[in-house]
Amino acid sequence: MAIANQIVKDDRVPTGIVGLDRLTEGGFEKGSAVLVAAGGGSGKSILATQFLAEGIKHSETGIYISFEENKDRFYKHMLVFGWDLKAFEEQGRFIFLKYSPERIAKIVKEKSKEIENSIKEVEAKRIVIDSLSAYTALFDTEAEKRRMLVALFDMIKEWECTTVVVAEEDQHPDQHHSSVMGFMADAIILLYNEREPRGLRYRAIEVFKMRGTKHDSKICSMKITDHGIEVYPDTVVL
């Protein structure tokens, strides 16, 4: 389904990745929860930060909620792509919040407004949560995991922000299975870092699901460049 000449919807939030926006009628749906799932080294955090940087460019405050990332190391790594998060933070346009998975679980259980109040204080429109896998690892049973994921996504929707939720999940184009995370998310973006028979690796991206959107369903080529992720919507990898 070719949508290169589509008209961008008014309710779209551009991601800062032009090729990805061409696949999704102009970006993510405003106020939606977008699950970005991939294995290690696939570019999940880069995509998420690029999404926030696009908002910052248009005077929107971005919030990055991390369960595991070291702040200084994260800032150093993102500076490689031209995103000076420390400068953005000093300007009041970017906030890095570090929470342990245990604390997030407590906030969810108690239905605390702690994070929501921080969001409202700076009038944030874009949020990133990285990574959901650290949160789900807390729970011993599938029933508890499901209940706490549903509660977390319910809380995210109350924030009324466009939220990217990162999950560490090894992906293969023929082996993606539905999950509670995928069911609760309004959209699913899958990133691939696959090995060809010759031993070479290639990167690809797929818009697996996006409610209310006539999105392209093909798996497209993707590269991590000096200025972030580039997606090539006119290509078909698989």
Protein backbone atom coordinates (compact mmCIF):
# COMPACT_ATOMS: atom_id res chain seq x y z
CA MET A 1 0.00 0.00 0.00
CA ALA A 2 1.82 3.13 -1.19
CA ILE A 3 1.03 6.27 0.80
CA ALA A 4 3.92 8.52 -0.18
CA ASN A 5 1.58 11.33 -1.30
CA GLN A 6 -0.78 11.12 1.66
CA ILE A 7 -2.33 14.14 3.36
CA VAL A 8 -1.08 14.44 6.93
CA LYS A 9 -3.87 14.17 9.49
CA ASP A 10 -4.41 17.00 11.97
CA ASP A 11 -4.19 14.60 14.92
CA ARG A 12 -0.69 13.39 14.02
CA VAL A 13 2.47 13.93 16.06
CA PRO A 14 5.53 13.92 13.75
CA THR A 15 8.30 11.63 14.96
CA GLY A 16 11.25 13.48 13.42
CA ILE A 17 11.85 10.41 11.22
CA VAL A 18 10.48 11.47 7.84
CA GLY A 19 10.39 7.98 6.36
CA LEU A 20 8.50 6.59 9.34
CA ASP A 21 5.97 9.43 9.18
CA ARG A 22 5.34 8.59 5.53
CA LEU A 23 4.32 5.10 6.61
CA THR A 24 1.89 6.35 9.28
CA GLU A 25 -0.13 9.20 7.76
CA GLY A 26 2.18 11.80 9.26
CA GLY A 27 3.30 10.37 12.59
CA PHE A 28 1.88 8.90 15.78
CA GLU A 29 -1.71 9.61 16.77
CA LYS A 30 -1.85 12.41 19.32
CA GLY A 31 -2.28 11.04 22.86
CA SER A 32 -1.51 7.45 21.86
CA ALA A 33 0.73 4.89 23.56
CA VAL A 34 3.26 3.50 21.08
CA LEU A 35 5.15 0.29 21.86
CA VAL A 36 8.63 0.13 20.28
CA ALA A 37 9.89 -3.45 20.60
CA ALA A 38 13.24 -4.88 19.54
CA GLY A 39 16.31 -6.73 20.72
CA GLY A 40 19.49 -5.12 21.97
CA GLY A 41 21.33 -2.78 19.61
CA SER A 42 18.37 -2.26 17.31
CA GLY A 43 17.97 1.49 17.88
CA LYS A 44 15.02 1.60 20.31
CA SER A 45 16.41 4.34 22.55
CA ILE A 46 17.62 6.32 19.53
CA LEU A 47 14.15 6.27 17.98
CA ALA A 48 12.59 7.28 21.28
CA THR A 49 15.01 10.16 21.81
CA GLN A 50 14.61 11.34 18.22
CA PHE A 51 10.86 11.49 18.86
CA LEU A 52 11.46 13.73 21.90
CA ALA A 53 14.03 15.88 20.06
CA GLU A 54 11.45 16.58 17.33
CA GLY A 55 9.05 17.88 19.94
CA ILE A 56 11.76 19.99 21.60
CA LYS A 57 12.49 21.54 18.19
CA HIS A 58 8.88 22.74 18.18
CA SER A 59 8.95 24.10 21.77
CA GLU A 60 7.47 20.99 23.41
CA THR A 61 8.99 19.75 26.65
CA GLY A 62 9.99 16.09 26.52
CA ILE A 63 10.26 13.69 29.45
CA TYR A 64 12.41 10.55 29.39
CA ILE A 65 11.51 8.08 32.15
CA SER A 66 14.26 5.49 32.56
CA PHE A 67 14.23 2.38 34.73
CA GLU A 68 17.85 1.38 34.12
CA GLU A 69 19.83 3.95 32.11
CA ASN A 70 22.67 5.95 33.63
CA LYS A 71 21.89 9.62 32.96
CA ASP A 72 25.43 10.81 32.14
CA ARG A 73 26.14 7.84 29.88
CA PHE A 74 22.80 8.28 28.14
CA TYR A 75 23.47 11.99 27.51
CA LYS A 76 26.91 11.16 26.14
CA HIS A 77 25.55 8.53 23.75
CA MET A 78 22.75 10.78 22.43
CA LEU A 79 25.15 13.69 21.88
CA VAL A 80 26.69 11.61 19.07
CA PHE A 81 23.50 12.28 17.08
CA GLY A 82 23.51 16.01 17.77
CA TRP A 83 21.00 15.95 20.64
CA ASP A 84 22.50 17.97 23.48
CA LEU A 85 20.18 16.73 26.21
CA LYS A 86 22.14 18.50 28.94
CA ALA A 87 21.60 21.83 27.19
CA PHE A 88 17.92 21.02 26.62
CA GLU A 89 17.61 20.17 30.32
CA GLU A 90 19.21 23.47 31.37
CA GLN A 91 16.76 25.27 29.10
CA GLY A 92 13.84 23.48 30.76
CA ARG A 93 12.90 21.65 27.55
CA PHE A 94 13.97 18.13 28.56
CA ILE A 95 13.57 16.18 31.79
CA PHE A 96 15.27 12.89 32.63
CA LEU A 97 13.51 10.96 35.39
CA LYS A 98 15.13 7.87 36.87
CA TYR A 99 12.79 5.44 38.59
CA SER A 100 13.45 1.93 39.78
CA PRO A 101 10.96 -0.62 38.43
CA GLU A 102 9.91 -1.26 42.03
CA ARG A 103 9.03 2.39 42.55
CA ILE A 104 7.02 2.51 39.34
CA ALA A 105 5.13 -0.59 40.45
CA LYS A 106 4.34 1.13 43.76
CA ILE A 107 3.15 4.26 41.95
CA VAL A 108 0.91 2.13 39.74
CA LYS A 109 -0.50 0.11 42.65
CA GLU A 110 -1.23 3.20 44.73
CA LYS A 111 -2.54 5.13 41.70
CA SER A 112 -0.20 7.93 42.68
CA LYS A 113 -0.26 11.22 40.74
CA GLU A 114 3.49 11.71 41.27
CA ILE A 115 4.48 11.36 37.60
CA GLU A 116 1.32 13.00 36.30
CA ASN A 117 2.01 16.08 38.45
CA SER A 118 5.54 16.34 37.01
CA ILE A 119 4.10 16.14 33.51
CA LYS A 120 1.50 18.84 34.17
CA GLU A 121 4.06 21.09 35.86
CA VAL A 122 6.09 21.42 32.65
CA GLU A 123 3.11 20.91 30.28
CA ALA A 124 4.88 17.99 28.59
CA LYS A 125 3.35 16.61 25.42
CA ARG A 126 5.79 13.76 24.66
CA ILE A 127 6.91 11.03 27.04
CA VAL A 128 9.28 8.06 26.72
CA ILE A 129 9.35 5.07 29.09
CA ASP A 130 12.47 2.89 28.80
CA SER A 131 12.25 -0.03 29.29
CA LEU A 132 9.07 -1.90 30.02
CA SER A 133 10.95 -5.18 30.22
CA ALA A 134 12.55 -4.15 33.51
CA TYR A 135 9.07 -3.49 34.91
CA THR A 136 7.54 -6.80 33.80
CA ALA A 137 10.51 -8.73 35.24
CA LEU A 138 9.24 -7.83 38.73
CA PHE A 139 6.22 -10.10 38.57
CA ASP A 140 6.27 -13.83 39.22
CA THR A 141 3.05 -14.90 37.54
CA GLU A 142 1.54 -14.14 34.16
CA ALA A 143 -1.68 -13.04 35.88
CA GLU A 144 0.13 -10.48 38.02
CA LYS A 145 2.18 -9.30 35.05
CA ARG A 146 -0.97 -8.83 32.99
CA ARG A 147 -2.77 -6.96 35.78
CA MET A 148 0.14 -4.58 36.38
CA LEU A 149 0.68 -3.94 32.67
CA VAL A 150 -2.98 -3.06 32.22
CA ALA A 151 -2.76 -0.72 35.22
CA LEU A 152 0.40 0.93 33.86
CA PHE A 153 -1.09 1.55 30.42
CA ASP A 154 -4.27 2.89 32.03
CA MET A 155 -2.09 5.36 33.95
CA ILE A 156 -0.22 6.32 30.77
CA LYS A 157 -3.48 7.13 29.00
CA GLU A 158 -4.52 9.39 31.88
CA TRP A 159 -1.45 11.53 31.18
CA GLU A 160 -2.96 12.54 27.81
CA CYS A 161 0.49 12.67 26.20
CA THR A 162 1.88 10.91 23.17
CA THR A 163 3.99 8.21 24.82
CA VAL A 164 6.63 5.90 23.42
CA VAL A 165 7.08 2.77 25.52
CA VAL A 166 10.26 0.80 24.84
CA ALA A 167 10.41 -2.96 25.33
CA GLU A 168 13.44 -5.25 25.09
CA GLU A 169 12.15 -8.14 23.00
CA ASP A 170 14.08 -10.07 20.36
CA GLN A 171 12.11 -9.79 17.16
CA HIS A 172 11.96 -11.87 14.00
CA PRO A 173 9.66 -10.96 11.09
CA ASP A 174 7.97 -14.36 11.14
CA GLN A 175 7.81 -14.90 14.89
CA HIS A 176 6.09 -11.90 16.51
CA HIS A 177 3.44 -12.98 19.00
CA SER A 178 0.67 -10.91 20.54
CA SER A 179 1.13 -9.92 24.18
CA VAL A 180 -0.56 -7.84 26.86
CA MET A 181 1.82 -5.00 26.00
CA GLY A 182 0.82 -5.18 22.36
CA PHE A 183 -2.88 -5.41 23.18
CA MET A 184 -2.81 -2.35 25.45
CA ALA A 185 -0.67 -0.23 23.11
CA ASP A 186 -2.36 1.86 20.43
CA ALA A 187 0.53 1.18 18.06
CA ILE A 188 3.39 -1.29 17.72
CA ILE A 189 6.66 -0.48 15.97
CA LEU A 190 9.04 -3.42 15.50
CA LEU A 191 12.75 -2.95 14.84
CA TYR A 192 14.89 -5.71 13.35
CA ASN A 193 18.64 -6.30 13.31
CA GLU A 194 18.86 -9.44 11.20
CA ARG A 195 21.70 -11.48 9.74
CA GLU A 196 21.70 -12.38 6.05
CA PRO A 197 22.84 -15.84 4.85
CA ARG A 198 26.16 -14.26 3.81
CA GLY A 199 26.72 -13.17 7.40
CA LEU A 200 25.98 -9.47 6.88
CA ARG A 201 23.49 -7.67 9.10
CA TYR A 202 20.71 -5.33 8.02
CA ARG A 203 18.33 -3.11 9.96
CA ALA A 204 14.62 -2.86 9.25
CA ILE A 205 11.44 -1.40 10.70
CA GLU A 206 7.81 -2.46 10.60
CA VAL A 207 4.63 -0.67 11.64
CA PHE A 208 2.95 -3.80 12.97
CA LYS A 209 -0.14 -2.07 14.36
CA MET A 210 -1.50 1.47 14.54
CA ARG A 211 -5.10 2.07 15.50
CA GLY A 212 -7.02 4.61 13.44
CA THR A 213 -4.30 4.73 10.80
CA LYS A 214 -3.99 3.44 7.24
CA HIS A 215 -0.39 2.51 7.82
CA ASP A 216 1.90 0.75 5.39
CA SER A 217 2.41 -2.88 6.40
CA LYS A 218 5.70 -3.64 4.65
CA ILE A 219 9.05 -4.15 6.37
CA CYS A 220 11.30 -1.28 5.28
CA SER A 221 15.02 -0.68 5.36
CA MET A 222 16.35 1.46 8.21
CA LYS A 223 19.75 2.91 9.07
CA ILE A 224 21.27 4.52 12.15
CA THR A 225 23.13 7.59 10.88
CA ASP A 226 25.09 10.44 12.46
CA HIS A 227 21.84 12.37 12.95
CA GLY A 228 19.61 9.53 14.11
CA ILE A 229 17.42 6.96 12.41
CA GLU A 230 16.52 7.10 8.75
CA VAL A 231 13.72 4.97 7.32
CA TYR A 232 13.39 4.25 3.61
CA PRO A 233 9.66 3.73 2.97
CA ASP A 234 10.07 2.89 -0.72
CA THR A 235 12.09 -0.22 0.09
CA VAL A 236 10.88 -3.69 0.99
CA VAL A 237 13.33 -5.79 2.97
CA LEU A 238 11.30 -8.96 3.35
